[in-house]
């Protein structure tokens, strides 16, 4: 028996607990909850030539807000609808996506190649020639976790494809001290301006535009370029924005961006003659990559020669052991970390007492 009415209440309560422990039956362990990726909410697209480029953030959490392991696959679907009137949105009800056509399924190495940083990029071809009348194309994605569970469909990104403009010609990319200057020739059809693209020379694909410039502007300075890197540039013509209708990449220019540019010379060199020495002071070169300064001295009308060995890292120096009643001329040269030397500063002349 699992109970006894003659026992006192306290003992009865204790026996009841033992009975629950002894008479109860343990069930089978529950399986861990299946990971369902949170639905993508930032799917965006652009038309580049005769292709559609889609991009979204790599899912990081489940629908429950828990960390998500690496996704196993991405499915891209497409719906075709008559193009809405200008200025009118195309509304796609979520149930319609269940019957949409699958246009891309990425998994394994193909999915890994599509992940750039924390973004997933998918590229699909448009039919050529484009149909008439115009057709709107609505896209959505869903992801699948490693245990095989699909997410809900993402937000819907809509494109009404149109003929893309020609790509700009006469492309130039020249290294400058301030950055890499890119110039191109204007083309017809670039009503929304131009998109400048940059990639590392060892990377094959183009990403999102590095810069957007207005129609009529045909140059841009890439001040974010870093010395020691090799870059490839191209420029696209933009027929429209939001979504972007771009030309396909055509001309490309590669630049090996090395620091071959001399710093600005240090200004305002001053020399103060003292018994047996000359004290020199100057202002810093405005360039940020200066490694130090080379002080040069000439006696009377003689040739300049470096004072001491190595570079000075301060903005002053006491030049001692000098002969009395002698004319000396001084100048300072700034040297950057790449070994480039500036033009000499203005000369300061003194006569030792």
Protein backbone atom coordinates (compact mmCIF):
# COMPACT_ATOMS: atom_id res chain seq x y z
CA UNK A 1 0.00 0.00 0.00
CA UNK A 2 1.02 3.51 -0.68
CA UNK A 3 -0.87 5.17 2.28
CA UNK A 4 -2.03 4.49 5.92
CA UNK A 5 -4.90 6.49 7.51
CA UNK A 6 -3.75 5.64 11.08
CA UNK A 7 -0.51 7.58 10.68
CA UNK A 8 -0.16 11.09 11.97
CA UNK A 9 -0.58 13.94 9.47
CA UNK A 10 3.14 14.83 9.38
CA UNK A 11 4.18 11.21 8.80
CA UNK A 12 1.41 10.85 6.27
CA UNK A 13 2.75 13.78 4.29
CA UNK A 14 6.25 12.32 4.29
CA UNK A 15 5.02 8.92 3.15
CA UNK A 16 3.02 10.60 0.42
CA UNK A 17 6.19 12.13 -0.97
CA UNK A 18 7.96 8.77 -0.85
CA UNK A 19 4.98 7.18 -2.56
CA UNK A 20 5.15 9.68 -5.36
CA UNK A 21 8.85 8.96 -5.78
CA UNK A 22 8.50 5.20 -5.50
CA UNK A 23 5.19 4.59 -7.23
CA UNK A 24 5.51 7.20 -10.03
CA UNK A 25 6.81 6.26 -13.49
CA UNK A 26 9.44 8.33 -15.26
CA UNK A 27 8.67 9.16 -18.90
CA UNK A 28 11.08 9.01 -21.82
CA UNK A 29 13.40 12.08 -22.08
CA UNK A 30 12.03 14.77 -24.34
CA UNK A 31 14.00 15.54 -27.51
CA UNK A 32 15.59 18.98 -27.71
CA UNK A 33 13.43 21.59 -29.42
CA UNK A 34 14.05 21.82 -33.16
CA UNK A 35 15.79 25.00 -34.25
CA UNK A 36 13.63 27.13 -36.53
CA UNK A 37 15.55 30.09 -37.99
CA UNK A 38 14.00 33.50 -37.58
CA UNK A 39 12.60 34.77 -40.85
CA UNK A 40 14.82 37.07 -42.89
CA UNK A 41 13.50 40.63 -42.75
CA UNK A 42 16.04 42.64 -44.77
CA UNK A 43 15.99 41.04 -48.22
CA UNK A 44 16.97 43.70 -50.78
CA UNK A 45 17.75 43.59 -54.50
CA UNK A 46 19.15 45.50 -57.46
CA UNK A 47 19.24 44.87 -61.19
CA UNK A 48 22.77 44.84 -62.61
CA UNK A 49 22.75 44.45 -66.37
CA UNK A 50 20.71 41.34 -67.17
CA UNK A 51 20.93 39.90 -63.66
CA UNK A 52 19.24 40.36 -60.29
CA UNK A 53 21.47 40.67 -57.22
CA UNK A 54 19.77 39.84 -53.91
CA UNK A 55 21.27 40.26 -50.46
CA UNK A 56 20.25 39.73 -46.83
CA UNK A 57 21.77 39.37 -43.38
CA UNK A 58 22.81 35.88 -42.33
CA UNK A 59 20.23 34.61 -39.76
CA UNK A 60 21.70 34.46 -36.26
CA UNK A 61 18.80 33.45 -34.04
CA UNK A 62 15.87 31.06 -33.89
CA UNK A 63 12.25 32.18 -33.68
CA UNK A 64 12.63 31.77 -29.90
CA UNK A 65 15.56 34.19 -29.85
CA UNK A 66 18.17 31.50 -29.19
CA UNK A 67 21.53 31.40 -31.00
CA UNK A 68 21.22 29.66 -34.37
CA UNK A 69 23.85 27.20 -35.60
CA UNK A 70 25.09 27.52 -39.15
CA UNK A 71 22.23 27.31 -41.63
CA UNK A 72 22.15 24.31 -43.96
CA UNK A 73 20.51 25.85 -47.02
CA UNK A 74 18.85 28.92 -48.52
CA UNK A 75 15.92 28.77 -50.91
CA UNK A 76 15.03 31.68 -53.20
CA UNK A 77 11.55 31.77 -54.76
CA UNK A 78 10.07 34.03 -57.44
CA UNK A 79 6.56 35.12 -58.39
CA UNK A 80 5.68 36.80 -61.69
CA UNK A 81 2.87 39.33 -61.80
CA UNK A 82 1.76 42.03 -64.25
CA UNK A 83 3.67 45.20 -63.49
CA UNK A 84 1.58 47.60 -61.39
CA UNK A 85 0.90 51.14 -62.53
CA UNK A 86 3.69 53.64 -61.95
CA UNK A 87 3.94 54.55 -58.29
CA UNK A 88 1.74 51.65 -57.18
CA UNK A 89 3.20 48.86 -55.00
CA UNK A 90 2.91 45.18 -55.83
CA UNK A 91 1.29 43.45 -52.85
CA UNK A 92 2.04 39.74 -52.37
CA UNK A 93 0.06 37.86 -49.74
CA UNK A 94 2.15 35.38 -47.70
CA UNK A 95 0.10 32.34 -48.80
CA UNK A 96 1.04 33.07 -52.41
CA UNK A 97 4.69 32.34 -51.67
CA UNK A 98 3.94 28.68 -50.97
CA UNK A 99 3.28 28.19 -54.71
CA UNK A 100 6.16 30.36 -55.92
CA UNK A 101 8.80 28.98 -58.28
CA UNK A 102 12.15 28.05 -56.75
CA UNK A 103 14.90 29.82 -58.70
CA UNK A 104 17.90 29.08 -56.47
CA UNK A 105 18.77 26.53 -53.79
CA UNK A 106 22.11 27.07 -52.07
CA UNK A 107 23.81 24.52 -49.82
CA UNK A 108 27.29 23.29 -48.98
CA UNK A 109 30.17 24.93 -50.86
CA UNK A 110 27.79 26.99 -52.98
CA UNK A 111 26.22 28.52 -49.89
CA UNK A 112 29.61 29.12 -48.29
CA UNK A 113 30.73 31.01 -51.41
CA UNK A 114 27.61 33.19 -51.23
CA UNK A 115 28.33 34.35 -47.67
CA UNK A 116 30.37 37.57 -47.56
CA UNK A 117 30.99 38.76 -44.02
CA UNK A 118 27.60 38.63 -42.34
CA UNK A 119 25.65 38.89 -45.62
CA UNK A 120 24.32 36.29 -48.03
CA UNK A 121 24.36 37.26 -51.72
CA UNK A 122 22.46 35.48 -54.49
CA UNK A 123 22.56 36.26 -58.21
CA UNK A 124 19.98 35.10 -60.76
CA UNK A 125 19.64 35.77 -64.49
CA UNK A 126 16.76 37.67 -66.06
CA UNK A 127 15.10 36.39 -69.23
CA UNK A 128 16.36 38.00 -72.41
CA UNK A 129 14.79 39.79 -74.09
CA UNK A 130 12.63 41.22 -71.31
CA UNK A 131 8.93 40.46 -71.81
CA UNK A 132 6.48 43.07 -73.10
CA UNK A 133 4.36 44.29 -71.44
CA UNK A 134 6.58 44.60 -68.39
CA UNK A 135 6.42 41.89 -65.73
CA UNK A 136 7.04 42.44 -62.03
CA UNK A 137 9.15 39.85 -60.22
CA UNK A 138 8.67 39.29 -56.51
CA UNK A 139 11.36 37.43 -54.54
CA UNK A 140 11.50 35.91 -51.07
CA UNK A 141 13.91 33.59 -49.25
CA UNK A 142 13.70 31.08 -46.48
CA UNK A 143 16.50 29.32 -44.67
CA UNK A 144 16.80 25.84 -43.21
CA UNK A 145 18.57 24.91 -40.00
CA UNK A 146 20.92 21.94 -39.68
CA UNK A 147 18.14 19.75 -38.31
CA UNK A 148 16.06 20.31 -41.43
CA UNK A 149 13.52 22.89 -40.22
CA UNK A 150 12.65 25.73 -42.62
CA UNK A 151 12.06 29.29 -41.54
CA UNK A 152 9.06 31.29 -42.63
CA UNK A 153 9.44 33.29 -45.83
CA UNK A 154 11.24 36.60 -45.70
CA UNK A 155 9.96 40.00 -46.63
CA UNK A 156 9.16 40.31 -50.33
CA UNK A 157 11.50 42.29 -52.61
CA UNK A 158 9.97 43.42 -55.90
CA UNK A 159 11.64 44.38 -59.18
CA UNK A 160 10.17 45.50 -62.48
CA UNK A 161 13.15 44.84 -64.78
CA UNK A 162 13.97 47.33 -67.51
CA UNK A 163 16.72 47.63 -70.12
CA UNK A 164 19.95 48.56 -68.34
CA UNK A 165 22.04 51.53 -69.53
CA UNK A 166 25.46 51.19 -71.11
CA UNK A 167 28.42 51.13 -68.74
CA UNK A 168 30.67 54.22 -68.62
CA UNK A 169 33.78 54.15 -70.77
CA UNK A 170 37.27 55.70 -70.64
CA UNK A 171 37.74 54.56 -67.05
CA UNK A 172 40.87 55.74 -65.23
CA UNK A 173 42.12 55.04 -61.70
CA UNK A 174 45.18 56.96 -60.54
CA UNK A 175 46.89 56.82 -57.15
CA UNK A 176 47.15 60.14 -55.37
CA UNK A 177 48.55 61.13 -52.02
CA UNK A 178 45.02 61.71 -50.68
CA UNK A 179 43.57 58.48 -52.14
CA UNK A 180 42.81 56.87 -55.50
CA UNK A 181 41.15 59.14 -58.05
CA UNK A 182 38.67 57.44 -60.39
CA UNK A 183 37.46 59.15 -63.57
CA UNK A 184 35.11 57.99 -66.30
CA UNK A 185 33.21 59.15 -69.36
CA UNK A 186 29.54 60.09 -69.03
CA UNK A 187 26.94 57.94 -70.82
CA UNK A 188 23.32 58.41 -71.79
CA UNK A 189 20.74 56.73 -69.60
CA UNK A 190 22.52 57.46 -66.31
CA UNK A 191 19.56 59.50 -65.05
CA UNK A 192 20.18 58.47 -61.44
CA UNK A 193 23.95 58.96 -61.52
CA UNK A 194 26.77 56.47 -61.17
CA UNK A 195 27.82 53.74 -58.75
CA UNK A 196 31.50 53.22 -58.03
CA UNK A 197 32.55 49.67 -57.13
CA UNK A 198 35.81 48.53 -55.57
CA UNK A 199 37.09 45.07 -54.73
CA UNK A 200 40.37 43.62 -53.54
CA UNK A 201 42.42 42.35 -56.47
CA UNK A 202 42.39 38.82 -55.03
CA UNK A 203 38.57 38.73 -54.69
CA UNK A 204 36.52 37.79 -57.77
CA UNK A 205 33.09 39.33 -57.13
CA UNK A 206 31.70 42.84 -56.76
CA UNK A 207 29.73 43.78 -53.69
CA UNK A 208 27.53 46.76 -52.93
CA UNK A 209 28.61 50.14 -54.35
CA UNK A 210 31.40 51.92 -52.54
CA UNK A 211 29.99 55.31 -53.50
CA UNK A 212 27.07 56.84 -55.39
CA UNK A 213 27.51 60.10 -57.30
CA UNK A 214 24.99 62.36 -58.99
CA UNK A 215 24.32 62.44 -62.71
CA UNK A 216 26.80 64.74 -64.44
CA UNK A 217 29.64 63.96 -61.99
CA UNK A 218 32.39 61.88 -63.62
CA UNK A 219 35.08 61.60 -60.94
CA UNK A 220 35.45 60.44 -57.35
CA UNK A 221 38.32 60.24 -54.84
CA UNK A 222 38.57 57.05 -52.80
CA UNK A 223 40.01 58.40 -49.55
CA UNK A 224 39.45 55.03 -47.84
CA UNK A 225 42.12 53.25 -49.87
CA UNK A 226 45.06 51.99 -47.81
CA UNK A 227 48.70 51.85 -48.80
CA UNK A 228 50.02 48.38 -49.57
CA UNK A 229 46.73 47.11 -51.05
CA UNK A 230 45.78 46.24 -54.63
CA UNK A 231 42.32 47.36 -55.72
CA UNK A 232 40.15 46.90 -58.81
CA UNK A 233 37.61 49.59 -59.72
CA UNK A 234 34.65 49.79 -62.06
CA UNK A 235 31.83 52.30 -62.51
CA UNK A 236 28.18 51.52 -63.28
CA UNK A 237 25.57 53.82 -64.80
CA UNK A 238 22.33 54.09 -62.79
CA UNK A 239 19.04 54.36 -64.65
CA UNK A 240 16.90 54.36 -61.49
CA UNK A 241 17.09 54.03 -57.71
CA UNK A 242 15.13 52.02 -55.12
CA UNK A 243 15.50 49.46 -56.49
CA UNK A 244 18.67 50.27 -58.41
CA UNK A 245 18.77 49.58 -62.16
CA UNK A 246 22.47 49.45 -63.03
CA UNK A 247 24.59 48.79 -66.08
CA UNK A 248 26.68 45.64 -66.10
CA UNK A 249 30.37 46.08 -65.18
CA UNK A 250 32.53 46.65 -68.24
CA UNK A 251 35.85 48.45 -67.93
CA UNK A 252 38.00 47.60 -64.90
CA UNK A 253 41.16 49.25 -63.61
CA UNK A 254 43.59 47.74 -61.13
CA UNK A 255 45.75 49.90 -58.85
CA UNK A 256 48.71 48.83 -56.73
CA UNK A 257 48.45 51.52 -54.08
CA UNK A 258 51.90 52.08 -52.61
CA UNK A 259 53.16 55.02 -50.61
CA UNK A 260 55.40 56.83 -53.06
CA UNK A 261 54.30 60.30 -52.01
CA UNK A 262 56.60 62.66 -50.15
CA UNK A 263 55.26 64.36 -47.02
CA UNK A 264 54.95 68.11 -46.76
CA UNK A 265 58.09 69.85 -45.48
CA UNK A 266 58.13 71.08 -41.87
CA UNK A 267 57.34 74.81 -41.65
CA UNK A 268 58.79 77.65 -39.59
CA UNK A 269 62.38 76.54 -38.93
CA UNK A 270 64.06 78.84 -36.41
CA UNK A 271 67.72 78.96 -35.36
CA UNK A 272 69.07 80.58 -32.19
CA UNK A 273 72.86 81.02 -31.92
CA UNK A 274 74.40 80.37 -28.50
CA UNK A 275 78.05 80.08 -27.42
CA UNK A 276 79.37 76.89 -29.03
CA UNK A 277 75.98 75.71 -30.29
CA UNK A 278 72.87 76.50 -32.29
CA UNK A 279 69.43 75.66 -30.99
CA UNK A 280 66.93 74.77 -33.72
CA UNK A 281 63.15 74.54 -33.50
CA UNK A 282 60.53 73.77 -36.18
CA UNK A 283 56.88 72.91 -36.54
CA UNK A 284 55.65 69.44 -37.42
CA UNK A 285 54.89 68.42 -40.99
CA UNK A 286 51.10 68.29 -41.49
CA UNK A 287 51.29 64.70 -42.77
CA UNK A 288 50.27 62.03 -40.27
CA UNK A 289 52.69 59.31 -41.43
CA UNK A 290 55.92 61.20 -40.71
CA UNK A 291 58.47 58.94 -39.02
CA UNK A 292 60.98 61.69 -38.15
CA UNK A 293 63.10 64.57 -39.39
CA UNK A 294 66.54 64.87 -40.95
CA UNK A 295 68.44 68.00 -39.94
CA UNK A 296 70.91 69.29 -42.52
CA UNK A 297 73.67 71.86 -42.03
CA UNK A 298 75.97 73.82 -44.32
CA UNK A 299 78.84 76.07 -43.36
CA UNK A 300 78.71 79.43 -45.11
CA UNK A 301 78.11 78.76 -48.82
CA UNK A 302 79.10 75.07 -48.61
CA UNK A 303 77.01 71.98 -49.36
CA UNK A 304 74.37 70.70 -46.96
CA UNK A 305 75.05 67.48 -45.06
CA UNK A 306 73.03 65.56 -42.47
CA UNK A 307 73.63 66.39 -38.81
CA UNK A 308 74.09 63.15 -36.86
CA UNK A 309 72.76 59.70 -37.78
CA UNK A 310 69.17 58.57 -37.91
CA UNK A 311 66.02 60.65 -37.72
CA UNK A 312 65.00 63.14 -35.07
CA UNK A 313 61.60 62.44 -33.55
CA UNK A 314 61.31 65.70 -31.61
CA UNK A 315 60.73 69.18 -33.03
CA UNK A 316 63.96 70.69 -31.71
CA UNK A 317 67.68 69.99 -31.63
CA UNK A 318 70.80 71.53 -30.09
CA UNK A 319 73.69 71.41 -32.55
CA UNK A 320 76.82 71.66 -30.41
CA UNK A 321 80.60 71.75 -30.80
CA UNK A 322 80.51 74.54 -33.38
CA UNK A 323 83.28 76.99 -34.18
CA UNK A 324 82.81 80.57 -33.01
CA UNK A 325 82.12 83.48 -35.33
CA UNK A 326 81.05 81.18 -38.14
CA UNK A 327 78.00 81.35 -40.42
CA UNK A 328 75.86 78.21 -40.55
CA UNK A 329 72.77 77.44 -42.62
CA UNK A 330 70.19 74.84 -41.58
CA UNK A 331 67.21 73.13 -43.12
CA UNK A 332 64.93 70.25 -42.08
CA UNK A 333 63.52 67.38 -44.19
CA UNK A 334 60.48 65.29 -43.13
CA UNK A 335 60.71 61.53 -43.78
CA UNK A 336 57.63 59.27 -43.70
CA UNK A 337 57.37 55.62 -42.65
CA UNK A 338 57.87 54.46 -46.24
CA UNK A 339 61.16 56.39 -46.50
CA UNK A 340 59.80 59.19 -48.70
CA UNK A 341 61.59 62.48 -48.04
CA UNK A 342 59.95 65.89 -48.30
CA UNK A 343 61.38 68.95 -49.95
CA UNK A 344 63.67 70.82 -47.53
CA UNK A 345 62.19 73.46 -45.30
CA UNK A 346 63.08 77.10 -45.71
CA UNK A 347 66.69 77.76 -44.75
CA UNK A 348 67.58 79.36 -41.39
CA UNK A 349 70.94 81.14 -41.23
CA UNK A 350 72.84 82.13 -38.07
CA UNK A 351 76.32 83.26 -36.99
CA UNK A 352 77.75 81.75 -33.83
CA UNK A 353 79.01 84.23 -31.23
